[in-house]
Amino acid sequence: MHTLLAYASKYGATRENTTLLAEMLDGEVDIVDLKETKEIDFSKYKKVVIFSAVYAGDVPKYVKKFAKKYQQQLLERHFGICFCCMTEIYNQIKGYALNSFSKDLVNHAACIASIGGFFQYDKMTAIEKKLLKIATKNQAYKKGQLIQLDGKTNFSTIEEYKMQVFANKMNGIIVAEEVAK
């Protein structure tokens, strides 16, 4: 059973977590950086996971391009969307998906989730820091608690258990399909 784990990362937090997510998914997993990959042969994949960072409520343009180009192939497979973003609120996470992908893809997704996010101030430009401060008021939620950020110290809400929950949902779909055979 092959799974395609297609990811997009700006500062590296998503990239750093792809291997861990891949280990949690059943079967063989091919990891592909969407920024570097132009063509994908979907013939061997039964599952596809798009694992992307979210910036200002949106995924990178090349992720949108991938989803649009391969929409039919994605609709023909078990498909999940996993974000690396700061929100814990499902309606916001689904909103990011709807903002980034077609309604058909979002409705087809077996699972839409976030593993948490990472503010990497040491890698941001001055403009990015300023925009982030305006957007977040230097606040973030971690495990349901509001945290005041100093705007200088890197801050992560990434949780391994959130990845495991997402992987379990994706793995459970395949198990159910194989049981039906």
Protein backbone atom coordinates (compact mmCIF):
# COMPACT_ATOMS: atom_id res chain seq x y z
CA MET A 1 0.00 0.00 0.00
CA HIS A 2 1.59 3.27 -1.12
CA THR A 3 0.89 6.73 0.23
CA LEU A 4 2.06 10.00 -1.26
CA LEU A 5 2.92 12.57 1.40
CA ALA A 6 3.21 15.84 -0.52
CA TYR A 7 4.43 18.70 1.64
CA ALA A 8 5.13 22.42 1.53
CA SER A 9 7.24 24.31 4.03
CA LYS A 10 8.46 27.91 4.18
CA TYR A 11 10.65 28.02 7.28
CA GLY A 12 11.12 24.28 7.80
CA ALA A 13 8.67 23.25 10.55
CA THR A 14 6.45 21.27 8.16
CA ARG A 15 9.46 19.71 6.45
CA GLU A 16 10.90 18.70 9.84
CA ASN A 17 7.69 16.84 10.70
CA THR A 18 7.13 14.98 7.42
CA THR A 19 9.31 12.03 8.42
CA LEU A 20 7.47 11.59 11.71
CA LEU A 21 4.08 11.77 9.99
CA ALA A 22 5.29 9.31 7.32
CA GLU A 23 6.33 6.85 10.05
CA MET A 24 2.84 7.03 11.54
CA LEU A 25 1.11 6.22 8.24
CA ASP A 26 0.70 2.54 7.36
CA GLY A 27 2.51 1.02 4.39
CA GLU A 28 5.11 2.56 2.16
CA VAL A 29 5.17 6.36 2.10
CA ASP A 30 6.85 8.51 -0.54
CA ILE A 31 7.65 12.04 0.64
CA VAL A 32 7.60 14.75 -2.03
CA ASP A 33 8.48 18.43 -1.65
CA LEU A 34 5.87 20.26 -3.74
CA LYS A 35 8.18 23.22 -4.24
CA GLU A 36 10.70 21.02 -6.08
CA THR A 37 8.42 18.49 -7.80
CA LYS A 38 6.84 19.21 -11.17
CA GLU A 39 5.26 15.87 -12.22
CA ILE A 40 3.83 13.02 -10.14
CA ASP A 41 2.79 9.56 -11.29
CA PHE A 42 -0.23 8.72 -9.13
CA SER A 43 -0.66 5.16 -10.43
CA LYS A 44 0.92 3.48 -7.37
CA TYR A 45 -0.79 5.59 -4.70
CA LYS A 46 -3.98 4.62 -2.88
CA LYS A 47 -3.70 7.51 -0.42
CA VAL A 48 -2.49 11.08 -0.77
CA VAL A 49 -1.83 13.50 2.06
CA ILE A 50 -1.17 17.17 1.46
CA PHE A 51 0.83 18.45 4.41
CA SER A 52 1.27 22.20 4.21
CA ALA A 53 2.21 25.21 6.21
CA VAL A 54 -0.39 27.98 6.42
CA TYR A 55 0.51 31.67 6.25
CA ALA A 56 -2.13 34.34 6.80
CA GLY A 57 -4.86 31.73 6.34
CA ASP A 58 -3.53 30.38 3.06
CA VAL A 59 -1.16 27.74 1.70
CA PRO A 60 1.70 28.55 -0.71
CA LYS A 61 0.67 29.14 -4.34
CA TYR A 62 2.51 26.05 -5.55
CA VAL A 63 0.36 23.87 -3.26
CA LYS A 64 -2.79 25.34 -4.79
CA LYS A 65 -1.33 24.74 -8.24
CA PHE A 66 -0.61 21.09 -7.37
CA ALA A 67 -4.14 20.53 -6.04
CA LYS A 68 -5.71 22.15 -9.10
CA LYS A 69 -3.49 20.29 -11.58
CA TYR A 70 -4.07 16.90 -9.94
CA GLN A 71 -7.60 17.39 -8.64
CA GLN A 72 -9.03 14.40 -10.54
CA GLN A 73 -6.29 12.08 -9.26
CA LEU A 74 -6.85 13.31 -5.71
CA LEU A 75 -10.61 12.76 -6.00
CA GLU A 76 -9.95 9.15 -7.07
CA ARG A 77 -7.91 8.33 -3.96
CA HIS A 78 -8.16 8.43 -0.21
CA PHE A 79 -7.14 11.97 0.51
CA GLY A 80 -6.29 13.98 3.60
CA ILE A 81 -5.21 17.53 4.37
CA CYS A 82 -2.88 18.20 7.28
CA PHE A 83 -1.80 21.72 8.13
CA CYS A 84 1.03 23.13 10.16
CA CYS A 85 -0.73 26.20 11.58
CA MET A 86 -1.37 27.88 14.89
CA THR A 87 -5.11 27.38 15.26
CA GLU A 88 -6.73 24.58 17.22
CA ILE A 89 -10.25 25.49 16.10
CA TYR A 90 -11.62 23.03 13.54
CA ASN A 91 -13.83 25.58 11.76
CA GLN A 92 -10.77 27.77 11.15
CA ILE A 93 -8.74 24.78 9.95
CA LYS A 94 -11.53 23.81 7.54
CA GLY A 95 -11.76 27.45 6.49
CA TYR A 96 -8.07 27.39 5.56
CA ALA A 97 -8.77 24.28 3.45
CA LEU A 98 -11.73 25.95 1.71
CA ASN A 99 -9.62 29.07 1.09
CA SER A 100 -6.82 26.96 -0.42
CA PHE A 101 -8.52 24.11 -2.30
CA SER A 102 -11.66 23.48 -4.33
CA LYS A 103 -14.85 22.70 -2.44
CA ASP A 104 -14.90 19.27 -4.12
CA LEU A 105 -11.44 18.42 -2.74
CA VAL A 106 -12.29 19.68 0.74
CA ASN A 107 -15.53 17.68 0.77
CA HIS A 108 -13.67 14.60 -0.48
CA ALA A 109 -10.97 14.81 2.20
CA ALA A 110 -11.25 11.97 4.69
CA CYS A 111 -9.52 14.08 7.31
CA ILE A 112 -8.62 17.74 7.68
CA ALA A 113 -6.45 18.60 10.67
CA SER A 114 -3.67 20.75 12.10
CA ILE A 115 -0.67 19.47 14.03
CA GLY A 116 -0.04 22.91 15.49
CA GLY A 117 2.27 25.61 14.25
CA PHE A 118 5.61 27.24 14.77
CA PHE A 119 6.44 30.93 14.84
CA GLN A 120 10.10 31.06 13.83
CA TYR A 121 10.92 34.68 14.50
CA ASP A 122 14.62 34.09 13.86
CA LYS A 123 13.83 33.24 10.20
CA MET A 124 11.25 35.99 9.57
CA THR A 125 11.84 39.30 7.88
CA ALA A 126 11.02 42.52 9.75
CA ILE A 127 7.88 42.92 7.61
CA GLU A 128 6.74 39.36 8.37
CA LYS A 129 7.22 39.96 12.11
CA LYS A 130 5.23 43.19 11.92
CA LEU A 131 2.37 41.54 9.98
CA LEU A 132 2.34 38.61 12.41
CA LYS A 133 2.16 40.98 15.37
CA ILE A 134 -0.80 42.79 13.79
CA ALA A 135 -2.58 39.54 12.93
CA THR A 136 -2.01 37.76 16.24
CA LYS A 137 -1.56 40.63 18.72
CA ASN A 138 1.43 38.50 19.85
CA GLN A 139 -0.94 35.88 21.22
CA ALA A 140 -1.31 32.18 20.49
CA TYR A 141 -3.16 29.22 21.97
CA LYS A 142 -1.33 26.17 23.25
CA LYS A 143 -3.41 23.31 24.63
CA GLY A 144 -6.37 25.65 24.92
CA GLN A 145 -4.53 28.30 26.91
CA LEU A 146 -3.85 31.80 25.61
CA ILE A 147 -0.13 32.57 25.62
CA GLN A 148 1.34 36.06 25.30
CA LEU A 149 4.31 36.05 22.90
CA ASP A 150 7.25 38.45 23.04
CA GLY A 151 7.62 38.61 19.24
CA LYS A 152 11.26 37.48 19.43
CA THR A 153 11.35 34.00 20.93
CA ASN A 154 10.43 31.11 18.65
CA PHE A 155 7.17 29.48 19.73
CA SER A 156 5.73 26.08 18.81
CA THR A 157 2.34 24.48 19.35
CA ILE A 158 3.21 21.38 17.29
CA GLU A 159 2.04 18.24 19.07
CA GLU A 160 2.98 14.68 18.09
CA TYR A 161 -0.37 13.34 19.32
CA LYS A 162 -2.17 15.55 16.78
CA MET A 163 -0.12 13.93 14.01
CA GLN A 164 -0.97 10.50 15.39
CA VAL A 165 -4.70 11.28 15.43
CA PHE A 166 -4.51 12.40 11.79
CA ALA A 167 -2.48 9.30 10.81
CA ASN A 168 -4.90 7.00 12.65
CA LYS A 169 -7.83 8.43 10.71
CA MET A 170 -6.02 7.97 7.40
CA ASN A 171 -4.88 4.47 8.36
CA GLY A 172 -8.40 3.52 9.48
CA ILE A 173 -9.82 4.28 6.05
CA ILE A 174 -7.53 1.79 4.38
CA VAL A 175 -8.22 -0.86 7.02
CA ALA A 176 -11.95 -0.48 6.46
CA GLU A 177 -11.46 -0.78 2.69
CA GLU A 178 -9.36 -3.93 3.01
CA VAL A 179 -11.83 -5.53 5.46
CA ALA A 180 -14.57 -5.01 2.87
CA LYS A 181 -12.59 -7.06 0.32
